[in-house]
C-alpha atoms as a PDB file:
ATOM      1  CA  MET A   1      16.415  42.962  80.359  1.00  0.00           C
ATOM      2  CA  ASP A   2      16.190  39.472  78.931  1.00  0.00           C
ATOM      3  CA  THR A   3      15.230  36.470  80.995  1.00  0.00           C
ATOM      4  CA  PRO A   4      17.124  33.207  80.389  1.00  0.00           C
ATOM      5  CA  ASN A   5      14.141  31.741  78.470  1.00  0.00           C
ATOM      6  CA  HIS A   6      13.615  34.825  76.290  1.00  0.00           C
ATOM      7  CA  PHE A   7      15.316  34.969  72.903  1.00  0.00           C
ATOM      8  CA  ASN A   8      16.332  38.229  71.322  1.00  0.00           C
ATOM      9  CA  TRP A   9      15.065  37.536  67.802  1.00  0.00           C
ATOM     10  CA  GLY A  10      16.165  40.945  66.558  1.00  0.00           C
ATOM     11  CA  SER A  11      19.800  40.073  67.181  1.00  0.00           C
ATOM     12  CA  ILE A  12      19.432  36.694  65.521  1.00  0.00           C
ATOM     13  CA  PHE A  13      17.857  38.222  62.406  1.00  0.00           C
ATOM     14  CA  ALA A  14      20.468  41.000  62.312  1.00  0.00           C
ATOM     15  CA  ILE A  15      23.254  38.399  62.403  1.00  0.00           C
ATOM     16  CA  ARG A  16      21.567  36.411  59.627  1.00  0.00           C
ATOM     17  CA  ILE A  17      21.056  39.453  57.423  1.00  0.00           C
ATOM     18  CA  SER A  18      24.607  40.683  57.904  1.00  0.00           C
ATOM     19  CA  SER A  19      26.004  37.247  57.061  1.00  0.00           C
ATOM     20  CA  GLY A  20      24.646  37.364  53.516  1.00  0.00           C
ATOM     21  CA  GLY A  21      21.500  38.344  51.651  1.00  0.00           C
ATOM     22  CA  ASP A  22      21.374  35.153  49.577  1.00  0.00           C
ATOM     23  CA  ASP A  23      21.046  32.989  52.685  1.00  0.00           C
ATOM     24  CA  VAL A  24      18.203  35.138  53.966  1.00  0.00           C
ATOM     25  CA  ALA A  25      16.410  35.029  50.617  1.00  0.00           C
ATOM     26  CA  GLN A  26      16.825  31.245  50.519  1.00  0.00           C
ATOM     27  CA  GLU A  27      15.465  30.930  54.073  1.00  0.00           C
ATOM     28  CA  ILE A  28      12.486  33.137  53.227  1.00  0.00           C
ATOM     29  CA  GLU A  29      11.780  31.116  50.086  1.00  0.00           C
ATOM     30  CA  THR A  30      12.030  27.827  51.995  1.00  0.00           C
ATOM     31  CA  GLU A  31       9.753  29.118  54.747  1.00  0.00           C
ATOM     32  CA  THR A  32       7.255  30.439  52.190  1.00  0.00           C
ATOM     33  CA  LYS A  33       7.125  27.066  50.449  1.00  0.00           C
ATOM     34  CA  ALA A  34       6.644  25.275  53.767  1.00  0.00           C
ATOM     35  CA  GLN A  35       3.823  27.621  54.767  1.00  0.00           C
ATOM     36  CA  ASN A  36       2.146  27.292  51.361  1.00  0.00           C
ATOM     37  CA  ASP A  37       2.340  23.496  51.647  1.00  0.00           C
ATOM     38  CA  LEU A  38       0.836  23.682  55.129  1.00  0.00           C
ATOM     39  CA  ILE A  39      -1.986  25.935  53.924  1.00  0.00           C
ATOM     40  CA  SER A  40      -2.651  23.602  51.000  1.00  0.00           C
ATOM     41  CA  ASP A  41      -2.789  20.594  53.326  1.00  0.00           C
ATOM     42  CA  LEU A  42      -5.140  22.455  55.660  1.00  0.00           C
ATOM     43  CA  GLN A  43      -7.433  23.370  52.761  1.00  0.00           C
ATOM     44  CA  ILE A  44      -7.561  19.728  51.656  1.00  0.00           C
ATOM     45  CA  THR A  45      -8.264  18.615  55.220  1.00  0.00           C
ATOM     46  CA  LEU A  46     -10.987  21.237  55.573  1.00  0.00           C
ATOM     47  CA  SER A  47     -12.681  20.179  52.329  1.00  0.00           C
ATOM     48  CA  GLN A  48     -12.524  16.513  53.406  1.00  0.00           C
ATOM     49  CA  ALA A  49     -13.982  17.426  56.792  1.00  0.00           C
ATOM     50  CA  GLY A  50     -16.763  19.380  55.069  1.00  0.00           C
ATOM     51  CA  ALA A  51     -17.571  16.385  52.878  1.00  0.00           C
ATOM     52  CA  GLY A  52     -17.588  14.141  55.953  1.00  0.00           C
ATOM     53  CA  VAL A  53     -19.948  16.479  57.789  1.00  0.00           C
ATOM     54  CA  LYS A  54     -22.237  16.622  54.743  1.00  0.00           C
ATOM     55  CA  ASN A  55     -22.379  12.817  54.540  1.00  0.00           C
ATOM     56  CA  GLY A  56     -22.930  12.593  58.287  1.00  0.00           C
ATOM     57  CA  MET A  57     -25.804  15.054  58.099  1.00  0.00           C
ATOM     58  CA  LYS A  58     -27.400  13.053  55.281  1.00  0.00           C
ATOM     59  CA  ARG A  59     -27.132   9.863  57.328  1.00  0.00           C
ATOM     60  CA  LEU A  60     -28.476  11.601  60.436  1.00  0.00           C
ATOM     61  CA  ASN A  61     -31.410  13.047  58.478  1.00  0.00           C
ATOM     62  CA  ARG A  62     -32.203   9.619  57.034  1.00  0.00           C
ATOM     63  CA  THR A  63     -32.033   8.064  60.523  1.00  0.00           C
ATOM     64  CA  ILE A  64     -34.327  10.738  61.958  1.00  0.00           C
ATOM     65  CA  GLN A  65     -36.853  10.164  59.178  1.00  0.00           C
ATOM     66  CA  GLN A  66     -36.764   6.410  59.770  1.00  0.00           C
ATOM     67  CA  SER A  67     -37.169   6.975  63.525  1.00  0.00           C
ATOM     68  CA  SER A  68     -40.112   9.272  62.876  1.00  0.00           C
ATOM     69  CA  ASN A  69     -41.750   6.628  60.710  1.00  0.00           C
ATOM     70  CA  HIS A  70     -41.136   4.044  63.430  1.00  0.00           C
ATOM     71  CA  ILE A  71     -42.693   6.287  66.089  1.00  0.00           C
ATOM     72  CA  VAL A  72     -45.740   6.908  63.882  1.00  0.00           C
ATOM     73  CA  HIS A  73     -46.162   3.154  63.369  1.00  0.00           C
ATOM     74  CA  VAL A  74     -45.955   2.512  67.127  1.00  0.00           C
ATOM     75  CA  ILE A  75     -48.534   5.231  67.867  1.00  0.00           C
ATOM     76  CA  VAL A  76     -50.922   3.968  65.174  1.00  0.00           C
ATOM     77  CA  PHE A  77     -50.518   0.391  66.438  1.00  0.00           C
ATOM     78  CA  GLY A  78     -51.242   1.554  70.003  1.00  0.00           C
ATOM     79  CA  LEU A  79     -54.372   3.437  68.932  1.00  0.00           C
ATOM     80  CA  VAL A  80     -55.678   0.512  66.887  1.00  0.00           C
ATOM     81  CA  PHE A  81     -54.856  -1.973  69.662  1.00  0.00           C
ATOM     82  CA  PHE A  82     -56.531   0.045  72.436  1.00  0.00           C
ATOM     83  CA  THR A  83     -59.539   0.757  70.193  1.00  0.00           C
ATOM     84  CA  PHE A  84     -59.854  -2.975  69.571  1.00  0.00           C
ATOM     85  CA  VAL A  85     -59.546  -3.763  73.307  1.00  0.00           C
ATOM     86  CA  TYR A  86     -62.103  -1.051  74.151  1.00  0.00           C
ATOM     87  CA  LEU A  87     -64.630  -2.315  71.579  1.00  0.00           C
ATOM     88  CA  TRP A  88     -64.046  -5.928  72.634  1.00  0.00           C
ATOM     89  CA  SER A  89     -64.650  -5.049  76.307  1.00  0.00           C
ATOM     90  CA  LYS A  90     -67.879  -3.183  75.388  1.00  0.00           C
ATOM     91  CA  LEU A  91     -69.150  -6.048  73.232  1.00  0.00           C
ATOM     92  CA  SER A  92     -68.237  -8.761  75.733  1.00  0.00           C
ATOM     93  CA  ARG A  93     -70.454  -7.205  78.467  1.00  0.00           C
ATOM     94  CA  LYS A  94     -73.641  -7.677  76.432  1.00  0.00           C
END
């Protein structure tokens, strides 16, 4: 029992096949070419996306290294500054 929105593809294909084998072969060839083109485009897109991710990871790694260097500089500055303030406060009491 078919609902109004349900197509009976078997009947459609049977009508196509009975109408002539050349038309079916041409349709299959056209569909195969279209699918191969789609797969080729998807492979190109995937390789471009992979290259983009690789470049993004390089940039992110470089940014993390620069941030790490910045954090180390801030910590060293803080240690030197507080050591200087501590020694200055000890020497100024004498």
